[in-house]
Amino acid sequence: MSEDGEAAAALPCGERVAFAAYVNNVLREDASVSHLVPMDVYSDELCERMSDGVLLCALLSADGVSVPSSTPSDSSAAELSREEKLSNVRAALRAGEEAGYALSAVDAEALVDGSEDAVLAATGL
């Protein structure tokens, strides 16, 4: 707490900052996610923007992984229901695991909920 009793803002997690910078770099020219990147690496935008599976799919696709066509690449997270987000995230995680990425520790529900731990577990890409 600061001297005036207000809670101090938490410092950004270095790993989250690095992963957000990586996402910005890899996807900077991907028109399908231009509404999601670039993001402010020092904010919580990474956790919010990873929650619908769109960025996860784009990252996998950028590395040559075939992601199921039912996973949207241009939808706004606000337009998707929780079940649609879960379906997208699970499809992306399956595709990533089948391609050999270490994504088995990623909890799809926690990722949809914006959990930083779940997002950082996805750094196994």
C-alpha atoms as a PDB file:
ATOM      1  CA  MET A   1       0.000   0.000   0.000  1.00  0.00           C
ATOM      2  CA  SER A   2       1.117   3.521  -0.700  1.00  0.00           C
ATOM      3  CA  GLU A   3       1.322   6.165   2.013  1.00  0.00           C
ATOM      4  CA  ASP A   4      -2.169   7.433   1.169  1.00  0.00           C
ATOM      5  CA  GLY A   5      -3.684   3.958   1.670  1.00  0.00           C
ATOM      6  CA  GLU A   6      -4.176   3.069  -1.987  1.00  0.00           C
ATOM      7  CA  ALA A   7      -2.959  -0.254  -3.318  1.00  0.00           C
ATOM      8  CA  ALA A   8       0.068   0.084  -5.546  1.00  0.00           C
ATOM      9  CA  ALA A   9      -0.269  -1.260  -9.070  1.00  0.00           C
ATOM     10  CA  ALA A  10       1.354  -4.649  -9.490  1.00  0.00           C
ATOM     11  CA  LEU A  11       4.485  -4.722 -11.572  1.00  0.00           C
ATOM     12  CA  PRO A  12       4.132  -6.693 -14.795  1.00  0.00           C
ATOM     13  CA  CYS A  13       5.428 -10.240 -14.802  1.00  0.00           C
ATOM     14  CA  GLY A  14       8.645 -10.392 -16.839  1.00  0.00           C
ATOM     15  CA  GLU A  15       7.576 -13.646 -18.477  1.00  0.00           C
ATOM     16  CA  ARG A  16       4.208 -12.141 -19.472  1.00  0.00           C
ATOM     17  CA  VAL A  17       5.952  -9.083 -20.925  1.00  0.00           C
ATOM     18  CA  ALA A  18       8.323 -11.306 -22.918  1.00  0.00           C
ATOM     19  CA  PHE A  19       5.478 -13.501 -24.217  1.00  0.00           C
ATOM     20  CA  ALA A  20       3.380 -10.463 -25.199  1.00  0.00           C
ATOM     21  CA  ALA A  21       6.382  -9.034 -27.071  1.00  0.00           C
ATOM     22  CA  TYR A  22       6.854 -12.399 -28.812  1.00  0.00           C
ATOM     23  CA  VAL A  23       3.172 -12.506 -29.836  1.00  0.00           C
ATOM     24  CA  ASN A  24       3.388  -8.929 -31.149  1.00  0.00           C
ATOM     25  CA  ASN A  25       6.504  -9.781 -33.135  1.00  0.00           C
ATOM     26  CA  VAL A  26       5.288 -13.061 -34.639  1.00  0.00           C
ATOM     27  CA  LEU A  27       1.812 -11.802 -35.523  1.00  0.00           C
ATOM     28  CA  ARG A  28       2.571  -8.167 -36.414  1.00  0.00           C
ATOM     29  CA  GLU A  29       1.758  -8.686 -40.094  1.00  0.00           C
ATOM     30  CA  ASP A  30      -1.100 -11.194 -39.683  1.00  0.00           C
ATOM     31  CA  ALA A  31      -4.169  -9.316 -40.901  1.00  0.00           C
ATOM     32  CA  SER A  32      -6.517 -11.857 -39.308  1.00  0.00           C
ATOM     33  CA  VAL A  33      -5.465 -10.703 -35.832  1.00  0.00           C
ATOM     34  CA  SER A  34      -4.820  -7.034 -36.540  1.00  0.00           C
ATOM     35  CA  HIS A  35      -7.601  -6.205 -34.056  1.00  0.00           C
ATOM     36  CA  LEU A  36      -5.614  -8.002 -31.324  1.00  0.00           C
ATOM     37  CA  VAL A  37      -1.992  -7.040 -31.994  1.00  0.00           C
ATOM     38  CA  PRO A  38       0.026  -5.117 -31.264  1.00  0.00           C
ATOM     39  CA  MET A  39      -0.803  -5.029 -27.602  1.00  0.00           C
ATOM     40  CA  ASP A  40       0.696  -3.101 -24.722  1.00  0.00           C
ATOM     41  CA  VAL A  41       3.210  -5.573 -23.280  1.00  0.00           C
ATOM     42  CA  TYR A  42       3.106  -3.852 -19.882  1.00  0.00           C
ATOM     43  CA  SER A  43      -0.634  -4.346 -19.430  1.00  0.00           C
ATOM     44  CA  ASP A  44      -2.954  -7.298 -18.862  1.00  0.00           C
ATOM     45  CA  GLU A  45      -3.974  -7.287 -22.536  1.00  0.00           C
ATOM     46  CA  LEU A  46      -2.178 -10.578 -23.234  1.00  0.00           C
ATOM     47  CA  CYS A  47      -4.332 -12.504 -20.770  1.00  0.00           C
ATOM     48  CA  GLU A  48      -7.516 -10.864 -22.029  1.00  0.00           C
ATOM     49  CA  ARG A  49      -6.676 -11.373 -25.713  1.00  0.00           C
ATOM     50  CA  MET A  50      -5.591 -15.003 -25.390  1.00  0.00           C
ATOM     51  CA  SER A  51      -8.924 -15.954 -23.804  1.00  0.00           C
ATOM     52  CA  ASP A  52     -10.858 -16.812 -26.966  1.00  0.00           C
ATOM     53  CA  GLY A  53      -8.261 -18.997 -28.695  1.00  0.00           C
ATOM     54  CA  VAL A  54      -7.827 -16.708 -31.696  1.00  0.00           C
ATOM     55  CA  LEU A  55      -4.251 -15.635 -30.858  1.00  0.00           C
ATOM     56  CA  LEU A  56      -3.345 -19.182 -29.877  1.00  0.00           C
ATOM     57  CA  CYS A  57      -4.556 -20.429 -33.269  1.00  0.00           C
ATOM     58  CA  ALA A  58      -2.717 -17.632 -35.068  1.00  0.00           C
ATOM     59  CA  LEU A  59       0.541 -18.449 -33.259  1.00  0.00           C
ATOM     60  CA  LEU A  60       0.227 -22.117 -34.167  1.00  0.00           C
ATOM     61  CA  SER A  61      -0.656 -21.292 -37.769  1.00  0.00           C
ATOM     62  CA  ALA A  62       2.326 -18.941 -38.011  1.00  0.00           C
ATOM     63  CA  ASP A  63       4.500 -21.940 -37.154  1.00  0.00           C
ATOM     64  CA  GLY A  64       2.871 -24.131 -39.811  1.00  0.00           C
ATOM     65  CA  VAL A  65       0.439 -26.029 -37.584  1.00  0.00           C
ATOM     66  CA  SER A  66      -2.883 -26.815 -39.189  1.00  0.00           C
ATOM     67  CA  VAL A  67      -5.621 -25.547 -36.885  1.00  0.00           C
ATOM     68  CA  PRO A  68      -9.219 -26.746 -37.339  1.00  0.00           C
ATOM     69  CA  SER A  69     -11.175 -24.491 -39.686  1.00  0.00           C
ATOM     70  CA  SER A  70     -13.994 -24.133 -37.157  1.00  0.00           C
ATOM     71  CA  THR A  71     -11.683 -21.974 -35.063  1.00  0.00           C
ATOM     72  CA  PRO A  72     -12.280 -18.323 -35.970  1.00  0.00           C
ATOM     73  CA  SER A  73      -9.379 -16.112 -36.932  1.00  0.00           C
ATOM     74  CA  ASP A  74     -11.148 -12.775 -37.091  1.00  0.00           C
ATOM     75  CA  SER A  75     -13.832 -12.788 -34.410  1.00  0.00           C
ATOM     76  CA  SER A  76     -13.921 -10.421 -31.510  1.00  0.00           C
ATOM     77  CA  ALA A  77     -13.715 -12.121 -28.121  1.00  0.00           C
ATOM     78  CA  ALA A  78     -16.738 -10.097 -27.026  1.00  0.00           C
ATOM     79  CA  GLU A  79     -18.819 -11.789 -29.731  1.00  0.00           C
ATOM     80  CA  LEU A  80     -18.078 -15.346 -28.626  1.00  0.00           C
ATOM     81  CA  SER A  81     -19.848 -17.236 -25.878  1.00  0.00           C
ATOM     82  CA  ARG A  82     -17.835 -18.987 -23.179  1.00  0.00           C
ATOM     83  CA  GLU A  83     -18.592 -22.351 -24.818  1.00  0.00           C
ATOM     84  CA  GLU A  84     -17.339 -21.082 -28.195  1.00  0.00           C
ATOM     85  CA  LYS A  85     -14.170 -19.779 -26.566  1.00  0.00           C
ATOM     86  CA  LEU A  86     -13.616 -23.121 -24.800  1.00  0.00           C
ATOM     87  CA  SER A  87     -14.169 -24.983 -28.046  1.00  0.00           C
ATOM     88  CA  ASN A  88     -11.661 -22.774 -29.864  1.00  0.00           C
ATOM     89  CA  VAL A  89      -9.040 -23.056 -27.131  1.00  0.00           C
ATOM     90  CA  ARG A  90      -9.434 -26.832 -26.847  1.00  0.00           C
ATOM     91  CA  ALA A  91      -9.179 -27.263 -30.639  1.00  0.00           C
ATOM     92  CA  ALA A  92      -6.028 -25.135 -30.724  1.00  0.00           C
ATOM     93  CA  LEU A  93      -4.475 -26.996 -27.795  1.00  0.00           C
ATOM     94  CA  ARG A  94      -5.202 -30.371 -29.434  1.00  0.00           C
ATOM     95  CA  ALA A  95      -3.680 -29.213 -32.712  1.00  0.00           C
ATOM     96  CA  GLY A  96      -0.622 -27.892 -30.901  1.00  0.00           C
ATOM     97  CA  GLU A  97      -0.138 -31.069 -28.888  1.00  0.00           C
ATOM     98  CA  GLU A  98      -0.511 -33.197 -32.031  1.00  0.00           C
ATOM     99  CA  ALA A  99       2.195 -31.051 -33.636  1.00  0.00           C
ATOM    100  CA  GLY A 100       4.517 -31.751 -30.708  1.00  0.00           C
ATOM    101  CA  TYR A 101       4.160 -28.608 -28.613  1.00  0.00           C
ATOM    102  CA  ALA A 102       4.243 -28.917 -24.817  1.00  0.00           C
ATOM    103  CA  LEU A 103       0.710 -27.690 -24.189  1.00  0.00           C
ATOM    104  CA  SER A 104      -0.693 -30.501 -22.038  1.00  0.00           C
ATOM    105  CA  ALA A 105      -0.326 -28.350 -18.899  1.00  0.00           C
ATOM    106  CA  VAL A 106      -2.523 -25.577 -20.320  1.00  0.00           C
ATOM    107  CA  ASP A 107      -5.920 -25.530 -18.617  1.00  0.00           C
ATOM    108  CA  ALA A 108      -8.407 -24.477 -21.303  1.00  0.00           C
ATOM    109  CA  GLU A 109     -10.956 -23.173 -18.805  1.00  0.00           C
ATOM    110  CA  ALA A 110      -8.354 -21.142 -16.932  1.00  0.00           C
ATOM    111  CA  LEU A 111      -7.073 -19.689 -20.215  1.00  0.00           C
ATOM    112  CA  VAL A 112     -10.615 -18.654 -21.185  1.00  0.00           C
ATOM    113  CA  ASP A 113     -10.951 -17.058 -17.751  1.00  0.00           C
ATOM    114  CA  GLY A 114      -7.819 -14.992 -18.450  1.00  0.00           C
ATOM    115  CA  SER A 115      -5.548 -16.723 -15.938  1.00  0.00           C
ATOM    116  CA  GLU A 116      -1.977 -15.491 -16.266  1.00  0.00           C
ATOM    117  CA  ASP A 117      -0.688 -18.931 -15.216  1.00  0.00           C
ATOM    118  CA  ALA A 118      -2.650 -20.603 -18.026  1.00  0.00           C
ATOM    119  CA  VAL A 119      -1.487 -18.029 -20.567  1.00  0.00           C
ATOM    120  CA  LEU A 120       2.130 -18.469 -19.511  1.00  0.00           C
ATOM    121  CA  ALA A 121       1.748 -22.269 -19.728  1.00  0.00           C
ATOM    122  CA  ALA A 122       0.971 -21.658 -23.412  1.00  0.00           C
ATOM    123  CA  THR A 123       4.497 -20.360 -23.893  1.00  0.00           C
ATOM    124  CA  GLY A 124       5.349 -23.985 -24.703  1.00  0.00           C
ATOM    125  CA  LEU A 125       4.610 -23.051 -28.317  1.00  0.00           C
END
